[in-house]
Amino acid sequence: QVQLVESGGGSVQAGGSLRLSCAASERTFSGYDMGWFRQAPGKEREFVARISWSGRNTYYADSVKGRFTISRDNAKNTLYLQMNSLKPEDTAVYYCNIAGGSKWSWGQGTQVTVSP
């Protein structure tokens, strides 16, 4: 079972930036389309962005399009999410996982808090 460890969260003011990382424990990571997801207090977990296994194709939720950039480094088994122009509504715990229906076990996530 692949283990996922998210990091890079923090507290920023609106308009600020953060870069999240997700380290996978096994090289099988490189064969999967991957995604970032987030869960705000009292809400369901939602999709944020996905990237193909090769890194060539990306797709974003409308709410983050133009502000967030997903990328990956398969040599390092690591997924990234560059978040710019952050808004208070981006406040959530952010998770990474396989983009498709079947998921690995969820990691602990990393908290992102954006103040007005």
PDB file of N, CA and C in Angstrom:
ATOM      1  N   GLN A   1       0.859  -1.185   0.000  1.00  0.00           N
ATOM      2  CA  GLN A   1       0.000   0.000   0.000  1.00  0.00           C
ATOM      3  C   GLN A   1       0.895   1.236   0.000  1.00  0.00           C
ATOM      4  N   VAL A   2       0.679   2.106  -0.953  1.00  0.00           N
ATOM      5  CA  VAL A   2       1.468   3.331  -1.033  1.00  0.00           C
ATOM      6  C   VAL A   2       1.058   4.275   0.089  1.00  0.00           C
ATOM      7  N   GLN A   3       2.038   4.888   0.708  1.00  0.00           N
ATOM      8  CA  GLN A   3       1.766   5.902   1.738  1.00  0.00           C
ATOM      9  C   GLN A   3       2.002   7.284   1.148  1.00  0.00           C
ATOM     10  N   LEU A   4       1.117   8.200   1.504  1.00  0.00           N
ATOM     11  CA  LEU A   4       1.175   9.567   0.993  1.00  0.00           C
ATOM     12  C   LEU A   4       1.375  10.527   2.161  1.00  0.00           C
ATOM     13  N   VAL A   5       2.321  11.441   2.012  1.00  0.00           N
ATOM     14  CA  VAL A   5       2.599  12.419   3.066  1.00  0.00           C
ATOM     15  C   VAL A   5       2.560  13.807   2.461  1.00  0.00           C
ATOM     16  N   GLU A   6       1.554  14.577   2.868  1.00  0.00           N
ATOM     17  CA  GLU A   6       1.397  15.944   2.381  1.00  0.00           C
ATOM     18  C   GLU A   6       2.110  16.918   3.318  1.00  0.00           C
ATOM     19  N   SER A   7       2.627  18.001   2.744  1.00  0.00           N
ATOM     20  CA  SER A   7       3.313  19.020   3.539  1.00  0.00           C
ATOM     21  C   SER A   7       3.250  20.362   2.811  1.00  0.00           C
ATOM     22  N   GLY A   8       3.651  21.407   3.505  1.00  0.00           N
ATOM     23  CA  GLY A   8       3.741  22.726   2.888  1.00  0.00           C
ATOM     24  C   GLY A   8       2.618  23.677   3.229  1.00  0.00           C
ATOM     25  N   GLY A   9       1.624  23.207   3.970  1.00  0.00           N
ATOM     26  CA  GLY A   9       0.528  24.090   4.345  1.00  0.00           C
ATOM     27  C   GLY A   9       0.973  25.150   5.344  1.00  0.00           C
ATOM     28  N   GLY A  10       0.055  26.041   5.656  1.00  0.00           N
ATOM     29  CA  GLY A  10       0.355  27.092   6.607  1.00  0.00           C
ATOM     30  C   GLY A  10      -0.739  28.126   6.631  1.00  0.00           C
ATOM     31  N   SER A  11      -0.452  29.234   7.317  1.00  0.00           N
ATOM     32  CA  SER A  11      -1.404  30.336   7.424  1.00  0.00           C
ATOM     33  C   SER A  11      -0.878  31.523   6.636  1.00  0.00           C
ATOM     34  N   VAL A  12      -1.691  32.042   5.740  1.00  0.00           N
ATOM     35  CA  VAL A  12      -1.305  33.188   4.918  1.00  0.00           C
ATOM     36  C   VAL A  12      -2.472  34.155   4.834  1.00  0.00           C
ATOM     37  N   GLN A  13      -2.157  35.363   4.420  1.00  0.00           N
ATOM     38  CA  GLN A  13      -3.216  36.338   4.167  1.00  0.00           C
ATOM     39  C   GLN A  13      -3.721  36.182   2.740  1.00  0.00           C
ATOM     40  N   ALA A  14      -4.927  36.665   2.519  1.00  0.00           N
ATOM     41  CA  ALA A  14      -5.500  36.635   1.177  1.00  0.00           C
ATOM     42  C   ALA A  14      -4.539  37.296   0.193  1.00  0.00           C
ATOM     43  N   GLY A  15      -4.411  36.661  -0.965  1.00  0.00           N
ATOM     44  CA  GLY A  15      -3.478  37.135  -1.963  1.00  0.00           C
ATOM     45  C   GLY A  15      -2.116  36.480  -1.896  1.00  0.00           C
ATOM     46  N   GLY A  16      -1.857  35.756  -0.828  1.00  0.00           N
ATOM     47  CA  GLY A  16      -0.570  35.108  -0.654  1.00  0.00           C
ATOM     48  C   GLY A  16      -0.442  33.813  -1.442  1.00  0.00           C
ATOM     49  N   SER A  17       0.698  33.157  -1.269  1.00  0.00           N
ATOM     50  CA  SER A  17       0.998  31.920  -2.009  1.00  0.00           C
ATOM     51  C   SER A  17       1.531  30.845  -1.066  1.00  0.00           C
ATOM     52  N   LEU A  18       1.300  29.629  -1.452  1.00  0.00           N
ATOM     53  CA  LEU A  18       1.862  28.461  -0.781  1.00  0.00           C
ATOM     54  C   LEU A  18       2.163  27.400  -1.819  1.00  0.00           C
ATOM     55  N   ARG A  19       3.137  26.541  -1.527  1.00  0.00           N
ATOM     56  CA  ARG A  19       3.427  25.402  -2.391  1.00  0.00           C
ATOM     57  C   ARG A  19       3.313  24.141  -1.560  1.00  0.00           C
ATOM     58  N   LEU A  20       2.382  23.282  -1.933  1.00  0.00           N
ATOM     59  CA  LEU A  20       2.180  22.016  -1.250  1.00  0.00           C
ATOM     60  C   LEU A  20       2.970  20.915  -1.945  1.00  0.00           C
ATOM     61  N   SER A  21       3.400  19.946  -1.140  1.00  0.00           N
ATOM     62  CA  SER A  21       4.088  18.767  -1.671  1.00  0.00           C
ATOM     63  C   SER A  21       3.399  17.518  -1.169  1.00  0.00           C
ATOM     64  N   CYS A  22       3.491  16.472  -1.949  1.00  0.00           N
ATOM     65  CA  CYS A  22       2.946  15.161  -1.564  1.00  0.00           C
ATOM     66  C   CYS A  22       3.988  14.124  -1.947  1.00  0.00           C
ATOM     67  N   ALA A  23       4.553  13.489  -0.955  1.00  0.00           N
ATOM     68  CA  ALA A  23       5.573  12.465  -1.189  1.00  0.00           C
ATOM     69  C   ALA A  23       4.945  11.087  -1.113  1.00  0.00           C
ATOM     70  N   ALA A  24       5.157  10.293  -2.139  1.00  0.00           N
ATOM     71  CA  ALA A  24       4.652   8.920  -2.181  1.00  0.00           C
ATOM     72  C   ALA A  24       5.776   7.965  -1.819  1.00  0.00           C
ATOM     73  N   SER A  25       5.411   6.875  -1.131  1.00  0.00           N
ATOM     74  CA  SER A  25       6.427   5.964  -0.599  1.00  0.00           C
ATOM     75  C   SER A  25       6.959   4.972  -1.620  1.00  0.00           C
ATOM     76  N   GLU A  26       6.285   4.844  -2.781  1.00  0.00           N
ATOM     77  CA  GLU A  26       6.694   3.840  -3.757  1.00  0.00           C
ATOM     78  C   GLU A  26       6.722   4.417  -5.169  1.00  0.00           C
ATOM     79  N   ARG A  27       7.555   3.798  -6.010  1.00  0.00           N
ATOM     80  CA  ARG A  27       7.703   4.276  -7.383  1.00  0.00           C
ATOM     81  C   ARG A  27       6.480   4.015  -8.237  1.00  0.00           C
ATOM     82  N   THR A  28       5.535   3.205  -7.729  1.00  0.00           N
ATOM     83  CA  THR A  28       4.312   2.981  -8.501  1.00  0.00           C
ATOM     84  C   THR A  28       3.554   4.294  -8.715  1.00  0.00           C
ATOM     85  N   PHE A  29       3.870   5.285  -7.893  1.00  0.00           N
ATOM     86  CA  PHE A  29       3.304   6.625  -8.035  1.00  0.00           C
ATOM     87  C   PHE A  29       3.399   7.112  -9.481  1.00  0.00           C
ATOM     88  N   SER A  30       4.511   6.843 -10.134  1.00  0.00           N
ATOM     89  CA  SER A  30       4.773   7.408 -11.459  1.00  0.00           C
ATOM     90  C   SER A  30       3.841   6.884 -12.539  1.00  0.00           C
ATOM     91  N   GLY A  31       3.131   5.808 -12.264  1.00  0.00           N
ATOM     92  CA  GLY A  31       2.243   5.219 -13.260  1.00  0.00           C
ATOM     93  C   GLY A  31       0.802   5.665 -13.155  1.00  0.00           C
ATOM     94  N   TYR A  32       0.514   6.541 -12.211  1.00  0.00           N
ATOM     95  CA  TYR A  32      -0.867   6.935 -11.949  1.00  0.00           C
ATOM     96  C   TYR A  32      -1.116   8.411 -12.223  1.00  0.00           C
ATOM     97  N   ASP A  33      -2.299   8.705 -12.765  1.00  0.00           N
ATOM     98  CA  ASP A  33      -2.787  10.076 -12.739  1.00  0.00           C
ATOM     99  C   ASP A  33      -3.046  10.423 -11.279  1.00  0.00           C
ATOM    100  N   MET A  34      -2.626  11.610 -10.871  1.00  0.00           N
ATOM    101  CA  MET A  34      -2.744  12.003  -9.467  1.00  0.00           C
ATOM    102  C   MET A  34      -3.573  13.266  -9.318  1.00  0.00           C
ATOM    103  N   GLY A  35      -4.105  13.462  -8.132  1.00  0.00           N
ATOM    104  CA  GLY A  35      -4.927  14.633  -7.893  1.00  0.00           C
ATOM    105  C   GLY A  35      -4.725  15.235  -6.524  1.00  0.00           C
ATOM    106  N   TRP A  36      -5.116  16.482  -6.423  1.00  0.00           N
ATOM    107  CA  TRP A  36      -5.211  17.164  -5.129  1.00  0.00           C
ATOM    108  C   TRP A  36      -6.690  17.333  -4.801  1.00  0.00           C
ATOM    109  N   PHE A  37      -6.999  17.160  -3.538  1.00  0.00           N
ATOM    110  CA  PHE A  37      -8.350  17.287  -3.034  1.00  0.00           C
ATOM    111  C   PHE A  37      -8.296  18.144  -1.773  1.00  0.00           C
ATOM    112  N   ARG A  38      -9.437  18.692  -1.368  1.00  0.00           N
ATOM    113  CA  ARG A  38      -9.447  19.468  -0.137  1.00  0.00           C
ATOM    114  C   ARG A  38     -10.769  19.279   0.584  1.00  0.00           C
ATOM    115  N   GLN A  39     -10.701  19.480   1.898  1.00  0.00           N
ATOM    116  CA  GLN A  39     -11.908  19.371   2.717  1.00  0.00           C
ATOM    117  C   GLN A  39     -11.935  20.522   3.694  1.00  0.00           C
ATOM    118  N   ALA A  40     -12.951  21.361   3.553  1.00  0.00           N
ATOM    119  CA  ALA A  40     -13.159  22.478   4.463  1.00  0.00           C
ATOM    120  C   ALA A  40     -14.017  22.017   5.633  1.00  0.00           C
ATOM    121  N   PRO A  41     -13.951  22.696   6.764  1.00  0.00           N
ATOM    122  CA  PRO A  41     -14.749  22.306   7.926  1.00  0.00           C
ATOM    123  C   PRO A  41     -16.233  22.209   7.586  1.00  0.00           C
ATOM    124  N   GLY A  42     -16.835  21.071   7.936  1.00  0.00           N
ATOM    125  CA  GLY A  42     -18.263  20.889   7.720  1.00  0.00           C
ATOM    126  C   GLY A  42     -18.662  20.605   6.285  1.00  0.00           C
ATOM    127  N   LYS A  43     -17.676  20.390   5.418  1.00  0.00           N
ATOM    128  CA  LYS A  43     -17.991  20.137   4.004  1.00  0.00           C
ATOM    129  C   LYS A  43     -17.400  18.816   3.540  1.00  0.00           C
ATOM    130  N   GLU A  44     -17.906  18.329   2.419  1.00  0.00           N
ATOM    131  CA  GLU A  44     -17.377  17.116   1.830  1.00  0.00           C
ATOM    132  C   GLU A  44     -16.015  17.388   1.186  1.00  0.00           C
ATOM    133  N   ARG A  45     -15.216  16.341   1.076  1.00  0.00           N
ATOM    134  CA  ARG A  45     -13.949  16.472   0.364  1.00  0.00           C
ATOM    135  C   ARG A  45     -14.241  16.753  -1.107  1.00  0.00           C
ATOM    136  N   GLU A  46     -13.499  17.679  -1.691  1.00  0.00           N
ATOM    137  CA  GLU A  46     -13.757  18.038  -3.078  1.00  0.00           C
ATOM    138  C   GLU A  46     -12.482  18.001  -3.908  1.00  0.00           C
ATOM    139  N   PHE A  47     -12.681  17.812  -5.196  1.00  0.00           N
ATOM    140  CA  PHE A  47     -11.589  17.785  -6.153  1.00  0.00           C
ATOM    141  C   PHE A  47     -11.027  19.182  -6.365  1.00  0.00           C
ATOM    142  N   VAL A  48      -9.697  19.271  -6.496  1.00  0.00           N
ATOM    143  CA  VAL A  48      -9.039  20.546  -6.757  1.00  0.00           C
ATOM    144  C   VAL A  48      -8.344  20.542  -8.120  1.00  0.00           C
ATOM    145  N   ALA A  49      -7.511  19.534  -8.351  1.00  0.00           N
ATOM    146  CA  ALA A  49      -6.731  19.494  -9.594  1.00  0.00           C
ATOM    147  C   ALA A  49      -6.248  18.070  -9.834  1.00  0.00           C
ATOM    148  N   ARG A  50      -5.960  17.753 -11.103  1.00  0.00           N
ATOM    149  CA  ARG A  50      -5.398  16.452 -11.430  1.00  0.00           C
ATOM    150  C   ARG A  50      -4.337  16.606 -12.509  1.00  0.00           C
ATOM    151  N   ILE A  51      -3.458  15.605 -12.565  1.00  0.00           N
ATOM    152  CA  ILE A  51      -2.383  15.619 -13.550  1.00  0.00           C
ATOM    153  C   ILE A  51      -2.174  14.204 -14.048  1.00  0.00           C
ATOM    154  N   SER A  52      -1.919  14.060 -15.340  1.00  0.00           N
ATOM    155  CA  SER A  52      -1.705  12.741 -15.910  1.00  0.00           C
ATOM    156  C   SER A  52      -0.389  12.162 -15.399  1.00  0.00           C
ATOM    157  N   TRP A  53      -0.212  10.850 -15.595  1.00  0.00           N
ATOM    158  CA  TRP A  53       0.986  10.194 -15.087  1.00  0.00           C
ATOM    159  C   TRP A  53       2.252  10.805 -15.683  1.00  0.00           C
ATOM    160  N   SER A  54       2.150  11.277 -16.929  1.00  0.00           N
ATOM    161  CA  SER A  54       3.323  11.845 -17.599  1.00  0.00           C
ATOM    162  C   SER A  54       3.560  13.306 -17.232  1.00  0.00           C
ATOM    163  N   GLY A  55       2.541  13.934 -16.676  1.00  0.00           N
ATOM    164  CA  GLY A  55       2.640  15.359 -16.377  1.00  0.00           C
ATOM    165  C   GLY A  55       2.205  16.242 -17.519  1.00  0.00           C
ATOM    166  N   ARG A  56       1.847  15.650 -18.646  1.00  0.00           N
ATOM    167  CA  ARG A  56       1.530  16.458 -19.835  1.00  0.00           C
ATOM    168  C   ARG A  56       0.151  17.101 -19.754  1.00  0.00           C
ATOM    169  N   ASN A  57      -0.772  16.452 -19.065  1.00  0.00           N
ATOM    170  CA  ASN A  57      -2.151  16.939 -19.041  1.00  0.00           C
ATOM    171  C   ASN A  57      -2.569  17.287 -17.620  1.00  0.00           C
ATOM    172  N   THR A  58      -3.216  18.432 -17.494  1.00  0.00           N
ATOM    173  CA  THR A  58      -3.711  18.882 -16.204  1.00  0.00           C
ATOM    174  C   THR A  58      -5.161  19.335 -16.331  1.00  0.00           C
ATOM    175  N   TYR A  59      -5.845  19.324 -15.198  1.00  0.00           N
ATOM    176  CA  TYR A  59      -7.251  19.726 -15.176  1.00  0.00           C
ATOM    177  C   TYR A  59      -7.532  20.315 -13.805  1.00  0.00           C
ATOM    178  N   TYR A  60      -8.328  21.408 -13.769  1.00  0.00           N
ATOM    179  CA  TYR A  60      -8.567  22.113 -12.520  1.00  0.00           C
ATOM    180  C   TYR A  60     -10.055  22.331 -12.268  1.00  0.00           C
ATOM    181  N   ALA A  61     -10.407  22.370 -11.003  1.00  0.00           N
ATOM    182  CA  ALA A  61     -11.735  22.818 -10.627  1.00  0.00           C
ATOM    183  C   ALA A  61     -11.865  24.292 -11.010  1.00  0.00           C
ATOM    184  N   ASP A  62     -13.062  24.694 -11.367  1.00  0.00           N
ATOM    185  CA  ASP A  62     -13.287  26.081 -11.781  1.00  0.00           C
ATOM    186  C   ASP A  62     -12.871  27.072 -10.699  1.00  0.00           C
ATOM    187  N   SER A  63     -13.033  26.668  -9.457  1.00  0.00           N
ATOM    188  CA  SER A  63     -12.770  27.575  -8.337  1.00  0.00           C
ATOM    189  C   SER A  63     -11.288  27.920  -8.186  1.00  0.00           C
ATOM    190  N   VAL A  64     -10.401  27.117  -8.776  1.00  0.00           N
ATOM    191  CA  VAL A  64      -8.961  27.372  -8.610  1.00  0.00           C
ATOM    192  C   VAL A  64      -8.260  27.629  -9.935  1.00  0.00           C
ATOM    193  N   LYS A  65      -8.974  27.499 -11.022  1.00  0.00           N
ATOM    194  CA  LYS A  65      -8.378  27.663 -12.353  1.00  0.00           C
ATOM    195  C   LYS A  65      -7.745  29.046 -12.475  1.00  0.00           C
ATOM    196  N   GLY A  66      -6.530  29.055 -12.979  1.00  0.00           N
ATOM    197  CA  GLY A  66      -5.819  30.316 -13.146  1.00  0.00           C
ATOM    198  C   GLY A  66      -5.046  30.769 -11.924  1.00  0.00           C
ATOM    199  N   ARG A  67      -5.276  30.120 -10.795  1.00  0.00           N
ATOM    200  CA  ARG A  67      -4.578  30.485  -9.549  1.00  0.00           C
ATOM    201  C   ARG A  67      -3.664  29.357  -9.055  1.00  0.00           C
ATOM    202  N   PHE A  68      -4.063  28.108  -9.268  1.00  0.00           N
ATOM    203  CA  PHE A  68      -3.311  26.957  -8.798  1.00  0.00           C
ATOM    204  C   PHE A  68      -2.651  26.257  -9.978  1.00  0.00           C
ATOM    205  N   THR A  69      -1.495  25.656  -9.729  1.00  0.00           N
ATOM    206  CA  THR A  69      -0.786  24.875 -10.738  1.00  0.00           C
ATOM    207  C   THR A  69      -0.335  23.553 -10.131  1.00  0.00           C
ATOM    208  N   ILE A  70      -0.762  22.464 -10.750  1.00  0.00           N
ATOM    209  CA  ILE A  70      -0.354  21.134 -10.295  1.00  0.00           C
ATOM    210  C   ILE A  70       0.833  20.666 -11.133  1.00  0.00           C
ATOM    211  N   SER A  71       1.766  19.995 -10.503  1.00  0.00           N
ATOM    212  CA  SER A  71       2.917  19.456 -11.230  1.00  0.00           C
ATOM    213  C   SER A  71       3.414  18.219 -10.492  1.00  0.00           C
ATOM    214  N   ARG A  72       4.363  17.518 -11.095  1.00  0.00           N
ATOM    215  CA  ARG A  72       4.887  16.309 -10.461  1.00  0.00           C
ATOM    216  C   ARG A  72       6.323  16.089 -10.878  1.00  0.00           C
ATOM    217  N   ASP A  73       7.043  15.364 -10.039  1.00  0.00           N
ATOM    218  CA  ASP A  73       8.400  14.925 -10.336  1.00  0.00           C
ATOM    219  C   ASP A  73       8.439  13.433 -10.088  1.00  0.00           C
ATOM    220  N   ASN A  74       8.313  12.649 -11.122  1.00  0.00           N
ATOM    221  CA  ASN A  74       8.247  11.197 -10.953  1.00  0.00           C
ATOM    222  C   ASN A  74       9.566  10.617 -10.443  1.00  0.00           C
ATOM    223  N   ALA A  75      10.656  11.273 -10.725  1.00  0.00           N
ATOM    224  CA  ALA A  75      11.950  10.788 -10.230  1.00  0.00           C
ATOM    225  C   ALA A  75      12.019  10.888  -8.705  1.00  0.00           C
ATOM    226  N   LYS A  76      11.251  11.824  -8.145  1.00  0.00           N
ATOM    227  CA  LYS A  76      11.235  12.011  -6.696  1.00  0.00           C
ATOM    228  C   LYS A  76       9.957  11.479  -6.060  1.00  0.00           C
ATOM    229  N   ASN A  77       9.100  10.850  -6.855  1.00  0.00           N
ATOM    230  CA  ASN A  77       7.813  10.345  -6.345  1.00  0.00           C
ATOM    231  C   ASN A  77       7.048  11.439  -5.608  1.00  0.00           C
ATOM    232  N   THR A  78       7.025  12.635  -6.174  1.00  0.00           N
ATOM    233  CA  THR A  78       6.446  13.781  -5.486  1.00  0.00           C
ATOM    234  C   THR A  78       5.502  14.553  -6.394  1.00  0.00           C
ATOM    235  N   LEU A  79       4.386  14.940  -5.802  1.00  0.00           N
ATOM    236  CA  LEU A  79       3.357  15.751  -6.445  1.00  0.00           C
ATOM    237  C   LEU A  79       3.369  17.132  -5.795  1.00  0.00           C
ATOM    238  N   TYR A  80       3.108  18.166  -6.583  1.00  0.00           N
ATOM    239  CA  TYR A  80       3.127  19.531  -6.063  1.00  0.00           C
ATOM    240  C   TYR A  80       1.830  20.262  -6.400  1.00  0.00           C
ATOM    241  N   LEU A  81       1.544  21.291  -5.599  1.00  0.00           N
ATOM    242  CA  LEU A  81       0.449  22.199  -5.906  1.00  0.00           C
ATOM    243  C   LEU A  81       0.915  23.611  -5.548  1.00  0.00           C
ATOM    244  N   GLN A  82       1.154  24.427  -6.557  1.00  0.00           N
ATOM    245  CA  GLN A  82       1.485  25.827  -6.356  1.00  0.00           C
ATOM    246  C   GLN A  82       0.185  26.615  -6.287  1.00  0.00           C
ATOM    247  N   MET A  83      -0.014  27.298  -5.178  1.00  0.00           N
ATOM    248  CA  MET A  83      -1.260  28.031  -4.956  1.00  0.00           C
ATOM    249  C   MET A  83      -0.940  29.521  -4.847  1.00  0.00           C
ATOM    250  N   ASN A  84      -1.453  30.291  -5.773  1.00  0.00           N
ATOM    251  CA  ASN A  84      -1.258  31.741  -5.787  1.00  0.00           C
ATOM    252  C   ASN A  84      -2.601  32.444  -5.613  1.00  0.00           C
ATOM    253  N   SER A  85      -2.539  33.727  -5.288  1.00  0.00           N
ATOM    254  CA  SER A  85      -3.755  34.532  -5.130  1.00  0.00           C
ATOM    255  C   SER A  85      -4.767  33.827  -4.235  1.00  0.00           C
ATOM    256  N   LEU A  86      -4.303  33.340  -3.115  1.00  0.00           N
ATOM    257  CA  LEU A  86      -5.162  32.577  -2.217  1.00  0.00           C
ATOM    258  C   LEU A  86      -6.302  33.421  -1.678  1.00  0.00           C
ATOM    259  N   LYS A  87      -7.441  32.760  -1.472  1.00  0.00           N
ATOM    260  CA  LYS A  87      -8.648  33.405  -0.958  1.00  0.00           C
ATOM    261  C   LYS A  87      -9.067  32.714   0.337  1.00  0.00           C
ATOM    262  N   PRO A  88      -9.814  33.401   1.181  1.00  0.00           N
ATOM    263  CA  PRO A  88     -10.287  32.750   2.418  1.00  0.00           C
ATOM    264  C   PRO A  88     -11.056  31.458   2.143  1.00  0.00           C
ATOM    265  N   GLU A  89     -11.758  31.383   1.040  1.00  0.00           N
ATOM    266  CA  GLU A  89     -12.511  30.169   0.721  1.00  0.00           C
ATOM    267  C   GLU A  89     -11.623  28.997   0.316  1.00  0.00           C
ATOM    268  N   ASP A  90     -10.330  29.220   0.173  1.00  0.00           N
ATOM    269  CA  ASP A  90      -9.384  28.125  -0.076  1.00  0.00           C
ATOM    270  C   ASP A  90      -8.984  27.422   1.229  1.00  0.00           C
ATOM    271  N   THR A  91      -9.404  27.964   2.350  1.00  0.00           N
ATOM    272  CA  THR A  91      -9.081  27.365   3.643  1.00  0.00           C
ATOM    273  C   THR A  91      -9.647  25.951   3.729  1.00  0.00           C
ATOM    274  N   ALA A  92      -8.769  24.973   3.992  1.00  0.00           N
ATOM    275  CA  ALA A  92      -9.165  23.569   4.025  1.00  0.00           C
ATOM    276  C   ALA A  92      -7.939  22.733   4.375  1.00  0.00           C
ATOM    277  N   VAL A  93      -8.185  21.456   4.602  1.00  0.00           N
ATOM    278  CA  VAL A  93      -7.102  20.477   4.658  1.00  0.00           C
ATOM    279  C   VAL A  93      -6.949  19.917   3.250  1.00  0.00           C
ATOM    280  N   TYR A  94      -5.725  19.907   2.754  1.00  0.00           N
ATOM    281  CA  TYR A  94      -5.441  19.471   1.395  1.00  0.00           C
ATOM    282  C   TYR A  94      -4.809  18.080   1.408  1.00  0.00           C
ATOM    283  N   TYR A  95      -5.299  17.235   0.510  1.00  0.00           N
ATOM    284  CA  TYR A  95      -4.845  15.857   0.396  1.00  0.00           C
ATOM    285  C   TYR A  95      -4.462  15.555  -1.051  1.00  0.00           C
ATOM    286  N   CYS A  96      -3.584  14.571  -1.216  1.00  0.00           N
ATOM    287  CA  CYS A  96      -3.297  14.058  -2.546  1.00  0.00           C
ATOM    288  C   CYS A  96      -3.711  12.592  -2.596  1.00  0.00           C
ATOM    289  N   ASN A  97      -3.990  12.109  -3.808  1.00  0.00           N
ATOM    290  CA  ASN A  97      -4.329  10.707  -3.990  1.00  0.00           C
ATOM    291  C   ASN A  97      -4.445  10.428  -5.485  1.00  0.00           C
ATOM    292  N   ILE A  98      -4.663   9.188  -5.806  1.00  0.00           N
ATOM    293  CA  ILE A  98      -4.897   8.818  -7.195  1.00  0.00           C
ATOM    294  C   ILE A  98      -6.095   9.619  -7.708  1.00  0.00           C
ATOM    295  N   ALA A  99      -6.017  10.080  -8.955  1.00  0.00           N
ATOM    296  CA  ALA A  99      -7.102  10.885  -9.491  1.00  0.00           C
ATOM    297  C   ALA A  99      -8.340  10.063  -9.811  1.00  0.00           C
ATOM    298  N   GLY A 100      -8.173   8.782 -10.111  1.00  0.00           N
ATOM    299  CA  GLY A 100      -9.288   7.933 -10.500  1.00  0.00           C
ATOM    300  C   GLY A 100     -10.111   7.467  -9.321  1.00  0.00           C
ATOM    301  N   GLY A 101     -11.068   6.536  -9.632  1.00  0.00           N
ATOM    302  CA  GLY A 101     -11.996   6.101  -8.613  1.00  0.00           C
ATOM    303  C   GLY A 101     -11.352   5.336  -7.471  1.00  0.00           C
ATOM    304  N   SER A 102     -10.442   4.425  -7.781  1.00  0.00           N
ATOM    305  CA  SER A 102      -9.764   3.659  -6.741  1.00  0.00           C
ATOM    306  C   SER A 102      -8.680   4.504  -6.093  1.00  0.00           C
ATOM    307  N   LYS A 103      -8.685   4.524  -4.789  1.00  0.00           N
ATOM    308  CA  LYS A 103      -7.764   5.398  -4.056  1.00  0.00           C
ATOM    309  C   LYS A 103      -6.841   4.573  -3.155  1.00  0.00           C
ATOM    310  N   TRP A 104      -5.653   5.104  -2.946  1.00  0.00           N
ATOM    311  CA  TRP A 104      -4.813   4.598  -1.859  1.00  0.00           C
ATOM    312  C   TRP A 104      -5.360   5.140  -0.541  1.00  0.00           C
ATOM    313  N   SER A 105      -4.827   4.683   0.574  1.00  0.00           N
ATOM    314  CA  SER A 105      -5.236   5.227   1.862  1.00  0.00           C
ATOM    315  C   SER A 105      -4.894   6.714   1.915  1.00  0.00           C
ATOM    316  N   TRP A 106      -5.797   7.489   2.476  1.00  0.00           N
ATOM    317  CA  TRP A 106      -5.570   8.921   2.564  1.00  0.00           C
ATOM    318  C   TRP A 106      -4.483   9.224   3.594  1.00  0.00           C
ATOM    319  N   GLY A 107      -3.665  10.229   3.298  1.00  0.00           N
ATOM    320  CA  GLY A 107      -2.685  10.697   4.262  1.00  0.00           C
ATOM    321  C   GLY A 107      -3.347  11.609   5.274  1.00  0.00           C
ATOM    322  N   GLN A 108      -2.514  12.258   6.076  1.00  0.00           N
ATOM    323  CA  GLN A 108      -3.018  13.152   7.108  1.00  0.00           C
ATOM    324  C   GLN A 108      -3.452  14.498   6.541  1.00  0.00           C
ATOM    325  N   GLY A 109      -2.975  14.812   5.364  1.00  0.00           N
ATOM    326  CA  GLY A 109      -3.301  16.103   4.779  1.00  0.00           C
ATOM    327  C   GLY A 109      -2.443  17.213   5.356  1.00  0.00           C
ATOM    328  N   THR A 110      -2.572  18.381   4.754  1.00  0.00           N
ATOM    329  CA  THR A 110      -1.854  19.558   5.243  1.00  0.00           C
ATOM    330  C   THR A 110      -2.830  20.737   5.281  1.00  0.00           C
ATOM    331  N   GLN A 111      -2.834  21.431   6.409  1.00  0.00           N
ATOM    332  CA  GLN A 111      -3.810  22.502   6.644  1.00  0.00           C
ATOM    333  C   GLN A 111      -3.374  23.786   5.941  1.00  0.00           C
ATOM    334  N   VAL A 112      -4.308  24.367   5.210  1.00  0.00           N
ATOM    335  CA  VAL A 112      -4.108  25.686   4.603  1.00  0.00           C
ATOM    336  C   VAL A 112      -5.156  26.619   5.179  1.00  0.00           C
ATOM    337  N   THR A 113      -4.709  27.718   5.753  1.00  0.00           N
ATOM    338  CA  THR A 113      -5.616  28.702   6.335  1.00  0.00           C
ATOM    339  C   THR A 113      -5.328  30.068   5.706  1.00  0.00           C
ATOM    340  N   VAL A 114      -6.356  30.651   5.106  1.00  0.00           N
ATOM    341  CA  VAL A 114      -6.201  31.948   4.449  1.00  0.00           C
ATOM    342  C   VAL A 114      -7.062  32.969   5.177  1.00  0.00           C
ATOM    343  N   SER A 115      -6.440  33.990   5.704  1.00  0.00           N
ATOM    344  CA  SER A 115      -7.175  35.026   6.429  1.00  0.00           C
ATOM    345  C   SER A 115      -7.476  36.206   5.493  1.00  0.00           C
ATOM    346  N   PRO A 116      -8.588  36.907   5.786  1.00  0.00           N
ATOM    347  CA  PRO A 116      -8.988  38.020   4.896  1.00  0.00           C
ATOM    348  C   PRO A 116      -7.948  39.136   4.879  1.00  0.00           C
TER     349      PRO A 116
END
